[in-house]
PDB file of N, CA and C in Angstrom:
ATOM      1  N   LEU A   1      16.335 -81.516  73.461  1.00  0.00           N
ATOM      2  CA  LEU A   1      14.862 -81.928  72.948  1.00  0.00           C
ATOM      3  C   LEU A   1      14.697 -83.342  71.956  1.00  0.00           C
ATOM      4  N   LEU A   2      14.691 -84.307  71.927  1.00  0.00           N
ATOM      5  CA  LEU A   2      15.162 -84.594  71.081  1.00  0.00           C
ATOM      6  C   LEU A   2      13.167 -85.209  70.650  1.00  0.00           C
ATOM      7  N   ILE A   3      13.723 -84.802  69.180  1.00  0.00           N
ATOM      8  CA  ILE A   3      12.138 -84.862  68.107  1.00  0.00           C
ATOM      9  C   ILE A   3      12.220 -86.272  67.148  1.00  0.00           C
ATOM     10  N   LEU A   4      11.191 -87.073  67.144  1.00  0.00           N
ATOM     11  CA  LEU A   4      11.311 -88.181  66.656  1.00  0.00           C
ATOM     12  C   LEU A   4      10.139 -87.898  65.855  1.00  0.00           C
ATOM     13  N   ASP A   5      10.044 -88.292  63.869  1.00  0.00           N
ATOM     14  CA  ASP A   5       9.017 -87.544  63.404  1.00  0.00           C
ATOM     15  C   ASP A   5       8.375 -88.802  62.709  1.00  0.00           C
ATOM     16  N   GLU A   6       7.067 -89.589  62.444  1.00  0.00           N
ATOM     17  CA  GLU A   6       7.199 -90.084  61.997  1.00  0.00           C
ATOM     18  C   GLU A   6       7.207 -91.688  62.122  1.00  0.00           C
ATOM     19  N   LEU A   7       7.579 -91.402  63.073  1.00  0.00           N
ATOM     20  CA  LEU A   7       8.623 -93.257  63.789  1.00  0.00           C
ATOM     21  C   LEU A   7       7.882 -94.097  63.354  1.00  0.00           C
ATOM     22  N   GLY A   8       8.546 -94.992  62.851  1.00  0.00           N
ATOM     23  CA  GLY A   8       8.037 -96.461  61.986  1.00  0.00           C
ATOM     24  C   GLY A   8       7.610 -96.055  60.719  1.00  0.00           C
ATOM     25  N   TYR A   9       7.608 -95.255  59.691  1.00  0.00           N
ATOM     26  CA  TYR A   9       7.348 -95.297  58.456  1.00  0.00           C
ATOM     27  C   TYR A   9       8.094 -96.178  57.523  1.00  0.00           C
ATOM     28  N   ILE A  10       9.367 -95.878  58.189  1.00  0.00           N
ATOM     29  CA  ILE A  10      10.215 -97.475  57.360  1.00  0.00           C
ATOM     30  C   ILE A  10      10.734 -97.825  58.529  1.00  0.00           C
ATOM     31  N   PRO A  11      10.465 -99.021  58.675  1.00  0.00           N
ATOM     32  CA  PRO A  11      11.370-100.572  58.632  1.00  0.00           C
ATOM     33  C   PRO A  11      12.646 -99.809  59.821  1.00  0.00           C
ATOM     34  N   LEU A  12      13.083-100.758  60.237  1.00  0.00           N
ATOM     35  CA  LEU A  12      14.910-100.002  60.596  1.00  0.00           C
ATOM     36  C   LEU A  12      15.176-101.154  60.884  1.00  0.00           C
ATOM     37  N   HIS A  13      16.869-101.184  60.369  1.00  0.00           N
ATOM     38  CA  HIS A  13      17.328-101.988  59.971  1.00  0.00           C
ATOM     39  C   HIS A  13      18.150-102.330  62.022  1.00  0.00           C
ATOM     40  N   LYS A  14      18.147-103.799  61.456  1.00  0.00           N
ATOM     41  CA  LYS A  14      18.388-104.074  63.312  1.00  0.00           C
ATOM     42  C   LYS A  14      20.166-103.147  64.173  1.00  0.00           C
ATOM     43  N   ALA A  15      20.482-103.169  63.227  1.00  0.00           N
ATOM     44  CA  ALA A  15      22.171-101.789  63.890  1.00  0.00           C
ATOM     45  C   ALA A  15      20.944-100.372  64.167  1.00  0.00           C
ATOM     46  N   GLY A  16      20.341-100.390  62.794  1.00  0.00           N
ATOM     47  CA  GLY A  16      19.848 -98.951  63.151  1.00  0.00           C
ATOM     48  C   GLY A  16      18.995 -98.481  64.611  1.00  0.00           C
ATOM     49  N   ALA A  17      18.457-100.053  64.226  1.00  0.00           N
ATOM     50  CA  ALA A  17      16.953-100.759  66.000  1.00  0.00           C
ATOM     51  C   ALA A  17      17.974-100.143  66.868  1.00  0.00           C
ATOM     52  N   GLU A  18      19.283-100.449  67.434  1.00  0.00           N
ATOM     53  CA  GLU A  18      19.979-101.019  67.911  1.00  0.00           C
ATOM     54  C   GLU A  18      20.725 -99.229  68.520  1.00  0.00           C
ATOM     55  N   LEU A  19      20.967 -98.668  67.553  1.00  0.00           N
ATOM     56  CA  LEU A  19      21.177 -97.374  67.484  1.00  0.00           C
ATOM     57  C   LEU A  19      21.100 -96.434  68.134  1.00  0.00           C
ATOM     58  N   LEU A  20      19.063 -96.380  67.653  1.00  0.00           N
ATOM     59  CA  LEU A  20      18.368 -95.367  68.515  1.00  0.00           C
ATOM     60  C   LEU A  20      18.007 -96.135  69.549  1.00  0.00           C
ATOM     61  N   PHE A  21      17.609 -96.988  70.349  1.00  0.00           N
ATOM     62  CA  PHE A  21      17.924 -97.427  71.763  1.00  0.00           C
ATOM     63  C   PHE A  21      18.745 -96.665  72.054  1.00  0.00           C
ATOM     64  N   GLN A  22      20.352 -96.767  71.979  1.00  0.00           N
ATOM     65  CA  GLN A  22      20.945 -96.178  72.518  1.00  0.00           C
ATOM     66  C   GLN A  22      20.852 -95.404  72.667  1.00  0.00           C
ATOM     67  N   VAL A  23      20.344 -94.078  71.301  1.00  0.00           N
ATOM     68  CA  VAL A  23      19.734 -92.448  71.973  1.00  0.00           C
ATOM     69  C   VAL A  23      19.155 -92.312  72.603  1.00  0.00           C
ATOM     70  N   ILE A  24      17.658 -93.029  72.969  1.00  0.00           N
ATOM     71  CA  ILE A  24      16.801 -93.070  73.746  1.00  0.00           C
ATOM     72  C   ILE A  24      17.632 -93.733  74.833  1.00  0.00           C
ATOM     73  N   SER A  25      18.185 -94.229  74.905  1.00  0.00           N
ATOM     74  CA  SER A  25      18.762 -94.577  76.158  1.00  0.00           C
ATOM     75  C   SER A  25      19.323 -93.418  76.557  1.00  0.00           C
ATOM     76  N   LEU A  26      20.032 -92.737  76.536  1.00  0.00           N
ATOM     77  CA  LEU A  26      21.203 -91.798  76.953  1.00  0.00           C
ATOM     78  C   LEU A  26      20.095 -90.051  77.056  1.00  0.00           C
ATOM     79  N   CYS A  27      19.135 -90.255  76.350  1.00  0.00           N
ATOM     80  CA  CYS A  27      18.338 -89.204  76.857  1.00  0.00           C
ATOM     81  C   CYS A  27      17.256 -89.350  78.535  1.00  0.00           C
ATOM     82  N   TYR A  28      16.646 -90.996  78.422  1.00  0.00           N
ATOM     83  CA  TYR A  28      15.975 -91.013  79.594  1.00  0.00           C
ATOM     84  C   TYR A  28      15.856 -90.493  80.355  1.00  0.00           C
ATOM     85  N   GLU A  29      14.932 -89.784  81.086  1.00  0.00           N
ATOM     86  CA  GLU A  29      14.996 -89.060  82.102  1.00  0.00           C
ATOM     87  C   GLU A  29      16.840 -87.668  82.464  1.00  0.00           C
ATOM     88  N   GLY A  30      16.458 -87.212  81.256  1.00  0.00           N
ATOM     89  CA  GLY A  30      17.256 -86.234  81.130  1.00  0.00           C
ATOM     90  C   GLY A  30      17.156 -85.460  80.589  1.00  0.00           C
ATOM     91  N   LYS A  31      16.632 -85.921  79.095  1.00  0.00           N
ATOM     92  CA  LYS A  31      15.915 -84.513  78.212  1.00  0.00           C
ATOM     93  C   LYS A  31      14.489 -85.275  77.907  1.00  0.00           C
ATOM     94  N   SER A  32      13.758 -83.860  77.381  1.00  0.00           N
ATOM     95  CA  SER A  32      12.930 -84.359  76.522  1.00  0.00           C
ATOM     96  C   SER A  32      12.616 -84.821  75.595  1.00  0.00           C
ATOM     97  N   ILE A  33      11.693 -86.001  74.754  1.00  0.00           N
ATOM     98  CA  ILE A  33      11.978 -86.644  73.470  1.00  0.00           C
ATOM     99  C   ILE A  33       9.831 -86.530  72.929  1.00  0.00           C
ATOM    100  N   ILE A  34      10.365 -86.179  71.373  1.00  0.00           N
ATOM    101  CA  ILE A  34       8.843 -86.115  70.553  1.00  0.00           C
ATOM    102  C   ILE A  34       8.356 -87.302  69.949  1.00  0.00           C
ATOM    103  N   ILE A  35       7.449 -87.706  70.486  1.00  0.00           N
ATOM    104  CA  ILE A  35       7.998 -89.073  68.684  1.00  0.00           C
ATOM    105  C   ILE A  35       6.474 -88.699  68.644  1.00  0.00           C
ATOM    106  N   THR A  36       6.254 -88.761  67.234  1.00  0.00           N
ATOM    107  CA  THR A  36       5.110 -89.052  65.932  1.00  0.00           C
ATOM    108  C   THR A  36       5.196 -90.164  65.353  1.00  0.00           C
ATOM    109  N   THR A  37       4.223 -90.843  65.358  1.00  0.00           N
ATOM    110  CA  THR A  37       3.876 -92.252  64.982  1.00  0.00           C
ATOM    111  C   THR A  37       2.542 -92.129  64.774  1.00  0.00           C
ATOM    112  N   ASN A  38       2.112 -93.203  63.757  1.00  0.00           N
ATOM    113  CA  ASN A  38       0.904 -93.508  63.692  1.00  0.00           C
ATOM    114  C   ASN A  38       0.515 -94.799  63.949  1.00  0.00           C
ATOM    115  N   LEU A  39       1.423 -95.334  64.452  1.00  0.00           N
ATOM    116  CA  LEU A  39       1.391 -96.938  65.437  1.00  0.00           C
ATOM    117  C   LEU A  39       1.173 -97.139  66.263  1.00  0.00           C
ATOM    118  N   SER A  40       0.470 -97.581  66.955  1.00  0.00           N
ATOM    119  CA  SER A  40       0.222 -97.931  68.469  1.00  0.00           C
ATOM    120  C   SER A  40       1.151 -98.636  69.131  1.00  0.00           C
ATOM    121  N   PHE A  41       1.639 -99.435  70.108  1.00  0.00           N
ATOM    122  CA  PHE A  41       2.477 -99.763  70.571  1.00  0.00           C
ATOM    123  C   PHE A  41       2.989-101.271  70.208  1.00  0.00           C
ATOM    124  N   SER A  42       1.335-101.977  69.583  1.00  0.00           N
ATOM    125  CA  SER A  42       2.042-102.919  69.586  1.00  0.00           C
ATOM    126  C   SER A  42       2.583-103.296  68.116  1.00  0.00           C
ATOM    127  N   GLN A  43       2.247-102.675  66.705  1.00  0.00           N
ATOM    128  CA  GLN A  43       3.209-102.319  66.040  1.00  0.00           C
ATOM    129  C   GLN A  43       4.055-102.082  66.542  1.00  0.00           C
ATOM    130  N   TRP A  44       4.801-101.320  67.151  1.00  0.00           N
ATOM    131  CA  TRP A  44       6.714-100.973  66.953  1.00  0.00           C
ATOM    132  C   TRP A  44       7.146-102.500  66.950  1.00  0.00           C
ATOM    133  N   ASN A  45       6.804-103.734  66.833  1.00  0.00           N
ATOM    134  CA  ASN A  45       8.025-104.452  67.154  1.00  0.00           C
ATOM    135  C   ASN A  45       8.875-105.032  65.533  1.00  0.00           C
ATOM    136  N   HIS A  46       7.400-104.423  64.843  1.00  0.00           N
ATOM    137  CA  HIS A  46       7.932-104.349  63.395  1.00  0.00           C
ATOM    138  C   HIS A  46       8.692-102.915  62.336  1.00  0.00           C
ATOM    139  N   VAL A  47       8.512-101.896  63.860  1.00  0.00           N
ATOM    140  CA  VAL A  47      10.055-100.559  63.967  1.00  0.00           C
ATOM    141  C   VAL A  47      11.166-101.775  64.584  1.00  0.00           C
ATOM    142  N   PHE A  48      11.124-101.926  64.838  1.00  0.00           N
ATOM    143  CA  PHE A  48      12.495-102.297  66.079  1.00  0.00           C
ATOM    144  C   PHE A  48      12.556-103.236  65.289  1.00  0.00           C
ATOM    145  N   VAL A  49      11.735-104.457  65.102  1.00  0.00           N
ATOM    146  CA  VAL A  49      12.436-105.786  64.950  1.00  0.00           C
ATOM    147  C   VAL A  49      12.961-107.095  65.393  1.00  0.00           C
ATOM    148  N   ASP A  50      13.065-106.292  66.996  1.00  0.00           N
ATOM    149  CA  ASP A  50      13.444-107.606  68.206  1.00  0.00           C
ATOM    150  C   ASP A  50      12.493-107.375  68.801  1.00  0.00           C
ATOM    151  N   GLN A  51      11.470-108.222  69.485  1.00  0.00           N
ATOM    152  CA  GLN A  51      10.438-108.186  70.560  1.00  0.00           C
ATOM    153  C   GLN A  51      11.478-107.461  71.802  1.00  0.00           C
ATOM    154  N   ILE A  52      12.457-107.894  72.798  1.00  0.00           N
ATOM    155  CA  ILE A  52      12.565-107.784  73.242  1.00  0.00           C
ATOM    156  C   ILE A  52      13.293-105.917  73.351  1.00  0.00           C
ATOM    157  N   LEU A  53      14.342-105.411  72.438  1.00  0.00           N
ATOM    158  CA  LEU A  53      14.576-104.325  72.259  1.00  0.00           C
ATOM    159  C   LEU A  53      13.696-103.706  71.322  1.00  0.00           C
ATOM    160  N   THR A  54      12.177-103.873  71.630  1.00  0.00           N
ATOM    161  CA  THR A  54      11.070-103.382  71.465  1.00  0.00           C
ATOM    162  C   THR A  54      10.909-102.911  73.438  1.00  0.00           C
ATOM    163  N   GLU A  55      10.519-103.213  73.495  1.00  0.00           N
ATOM    164  CA  GLU A  55       9.626-103.429  74.640  1.00  0.00           C
ATOM    165  C   GLU A  55      10.501-103.045  75.491  1.00  0.00           C
ATOM    166  N   ALA A  56      12.213-102.374  75.658  1.00  0.00           N
ATOM    167  CA  ALA A  56      12.672-102.088  76.393  1.00  0.00           C
ATOM    168  C   ALA A  56      12.080 -99.817  75.510  1.00  0.00           C
ATOM    169  N   VAL A  57      12.315 -99.955  74.576  1.00  0.00           N
ATOM    170  CA  VAL A  57      12.011 -98.446  74.404  1.00  0.00           C
ATOM    171  C   VAL A  57      10.765 -98.713  74.828  1.00  0.00           C
ATOM    172  N   ILE A  58      10.022 -99.033  74.418  1.00  0.00           N
ATOM    173  CA  ILE A  58       8.185 -99.069  74.856  1.00  0.00           C
ATOM    174  C   ILE A  58       8.832 -98.013  76.643  1.00  0.00           C
ATOM    175  N   ASP A  59       9.359 -99.740  77.319  1.00  0.00           N
ATOM    176  CA  ASP A  59       9.364 -98.989  78.828  1.00  0.00           C
ATOM    177  C   ASP A  59      10.287 -97.985  78.754  1.00  0.00           C
ATOM    178  N   ARG A  60      11.125 -97.557  78.618  1.00  0.00           N
ATOM    179  CA  ARG A  60      11.831 -96.422  78.705  1.00  0.00           C
ATOM    180  C   ARG A  60      11.022 -94.228  78.438  1.00  0.00           C
ATOM    181  N   LEU A  61      10.316 -95.100  77.058  1.00  0.00           N
ATOM    182  CA  LEU A  61       9.667 -93.617  77.383  1.00  0.00           C
ATOM    183  C   LEU A  61       7.887 -93.294  77.408  1.00  0.00           C
ATOM    184  N   ILE A  62       7.382 -94.523  78.246  1.00  0.00           N
ATOM    185  CA  ILE A  62       5.890 -93.762  78.887  1.00  0.00           C
ATOM    186  C   ILE A  62       6.770 -93.920  80.081  1.00  0.00           C
ATOM    187  N   HIS A  63       8.179 -95.014  80.226  1.00  0.00           N
ATOM    188  CA  HIS A  63       7.946 -94.188  81.928  1.00  0.00           C
ATOM    189  C   HIS A  63       8.304 -92.626  81.828  1.00  0.00           C
ATOM    190  N   HIS A  64       7.033 -91.825  82.643  1.00  0.00           N
ATOM    191  CA  HIS A  64       7.086 -90.049  82.663  1.00  0.00           C
ATOM    192  C   HIS A  64       6.394 -89.936  81.675  1.00  0.00           C
ATOM    193  N   SER A  65       5.642 -90.372  81.314  1.00  0.00           N
ATOM    194  CA  SER A  65       5.686 -88.984  79.555  1.00  0.00           C
ATOM    195  C   SER A  65       4.415 -89.370  79.961  1.00  0.00           C
ATOM    196  N   GLN A  66       3.412 -88.535  79.216  1.00  0.00           N
ATOM    197  CA  GLN A  66       2.315 -87.896  78.747  1.00  0.00           C
ATOM    198  C   GLN A  66       2.426 -88.200  77.758  1.00  0.00           C
ATOM    199  N   LEU A  67       1.666 -89.314  76.353  1.00  0.00           N
ATOM    200  CA  LEU A  67       0.561 -89.486  76.020  1.00  0.00           C
ATOM    201  C   LEU A  67      -0.538 -88.916  75.470  1.00  0.00           C
ATOM    202  N   LEU A  68      -0.096 -88.749  74.061  1.00  0.00           N
ATOM    203  CA  LEU A  68      -1.329 -87.527  73.260  1.00  0.00           C
ATOM    204  C   LEU A  68      -1.717 -88.484  72.118  1.00  0.00           C
ATOM    205  N   ILE A  69      -3.235 -88.915  71.951  1.00  0.00           N
ATOM    206  CA  ILE A  69      -3.208 -89.718  70.829  1.00  0.00           C
ATOM    207  C   ILE A  69      -4.426 -89.191  70.106  1.00  0.00           C
ATOM    208  N   PHE A  70      -3.991 -88.330  69.254  1.00  0.00           N
ATOM    209  CA  PHE A  70      -4.942 -88.119  68.193  1.00  0.00           C
ATOM    210  C   PHE A  70      -5.818 -89.073  66.971  1.00  0.00           C
ATOM    211  N   ASN A  71      -7.481 -88.656  67.449  1.00  0.00           N
ATOM    212  CA  ASN A  71      -8.301 -89.805  66.121  1.00  0.00           C
ATOM    213  C   ASN A  71      -8.562 -89.100  65.464  1.00  0.00           C
ATOM    214  N   GLY A  72      -9.127 -89.577  64.747  1.00  0.00           N
ATOM    215  CA  GLY A  72      -9.048 -88.748  63.223  1.00  0.00           C
ATOM    216  C   GLY A  72      -8.835 -88.578  62.057  1.00  0.00           C
ATOM    217  N   GLU A  73      -9.190 -87.594  61.171  1.00  0.00           N
ATOM    218  CA  GLU A  73      -8.249 -87.186  59.564  1.00  0.00           C
ATOM    219  C   GLU A  73      -7.036 -87.109  60.010  1.00  0.00           C
ATOM    220  N   SER A  74      -5.674 -87.361  58.165  1.00  0.00           N
ATOM    221  CA  SER A  74      -4.685 -86.492  59.012  1.00  0.00           C
ATOM    222  C   SER A  74      -4.546 -85.552  58.469  1.00  0.00           C
ATOM    223  N   PHE A  75      -4.339 -85.076  58.994  1.00  0.00           N
ATOM    224  CA  PHE A  75      -4.422 -83.044  58.530  1.00  0.00           C
ATOM    225  C   PHE A  75      -3.809 -82.368  57.322  1.00  0.00           C
ATOM    226  N   ARG A  76      -2.859 -84.196  56.804  1.00  0.00           N
ATOM    227  CA  ARG A  76      -2.564 -83.768  55.077  1.00  0.00           C
ATOM    228  C   ARG A  76      -3.410 -84.186  54.133  1.00  0.00           C
ATOM    229  N   TYR A  77      -3.574 -84.553  54.848  1.00  0.00           N
ATOM    230  CA  TYR A  77      -5.092 -85.613  53.693  1.00  0.00           C
ATOM    231  C   TYR A  77      -6.098 -84.333  53.439  1.00  0.00           C
ATOM    232  N   LYS A  78      -6.970 -84.099  54.937  1.00  0.00           N
ATOM    233  CA  LYS A  78      -7.992 -82.953  54.784  1.00  0.00           C
ATOM    234  C   LYS A  78      -7.399 -81.768  54.442  1.00  0.00           C
ATOM    235  N   GLU A  79      -5.913 -80.890  54.179  1.00  0.00           N
ATOM    236  CA  GLU A  79      -5.762 -79.882  53.256  1.00  0.00           C
ATOM    237  C   GLU A  79      -5.321 -80.149  51.739  1.00  0.00           C
ATOM    238  N   SER A  80      -5.349 -81.802  51.098  1.00  0.00           N
ATOM    239  CA  SER A  80      -5.357 -81.934  49.652  1.00  0.00           C
ATOM    240  C   SER A  80      -6.936 -81.618  49.308  1.00  0.00           C
ATOM    241  N   LEU A  81      -7.262 -82.191  50.619  1.00  0.00           N
ATOM    242  CA  LEU A  81      -8.826 -81.849  49.389  1.00  0.00           C
ATOM    243  C   LEU A  81      -9.596 -80.751  49.131  1.00  0.00           C
ATOM    244  N   LEU A  82      -9.083 -79.605  50.732  1.00  0.00           N
ATOM    245  CA  LEU A  82      -9.571 -77.954  50.131  1.00  0.00           C
ATOM    246  C   LEU A  82      -8.892 -77.609  48.984  1.00  0.00           C
ATOM    247  N   LYS A  83      -7.378 -78.260  48.406  1.00  0.00           N
ATOM    248  CA  LYS A  83      -6.821 -78.131  46.861  1.00  0.00           C
ATOM    249  C   LYS A  83      -7.850 -78.567  46.408  1.00  0.00           C
ATOM    250  N   ASN A  84      -8.486 -79.281  45.917  1.00  0.00           N
ATOM    251  CA  ASN A  84      -9.003 -79.721  44.505  1.00  0.00           C
ATOM    252  C   ASN A  84     -10.931 -79.096  44.681  1.00  0.00           C
TER     253      ASN A  84
END
């Protein structure tokens, strides 16, 4: 199981994006991957920098996948309001 939490919080350098693509490719169709992000797929080009690389990553991730989309306020934000 590969878990990528908060993908896109910090943009990747070209070398980092290429390495992450290799890891995702190695896991593709053989391992489970969980990704959390606040970004829609259309914004992932800002993370992976290269449009072709971004499309290849998304292609591998959405094939055989289940997308869970949560709308609403952040859990952390709600929790911080309760403390005040």
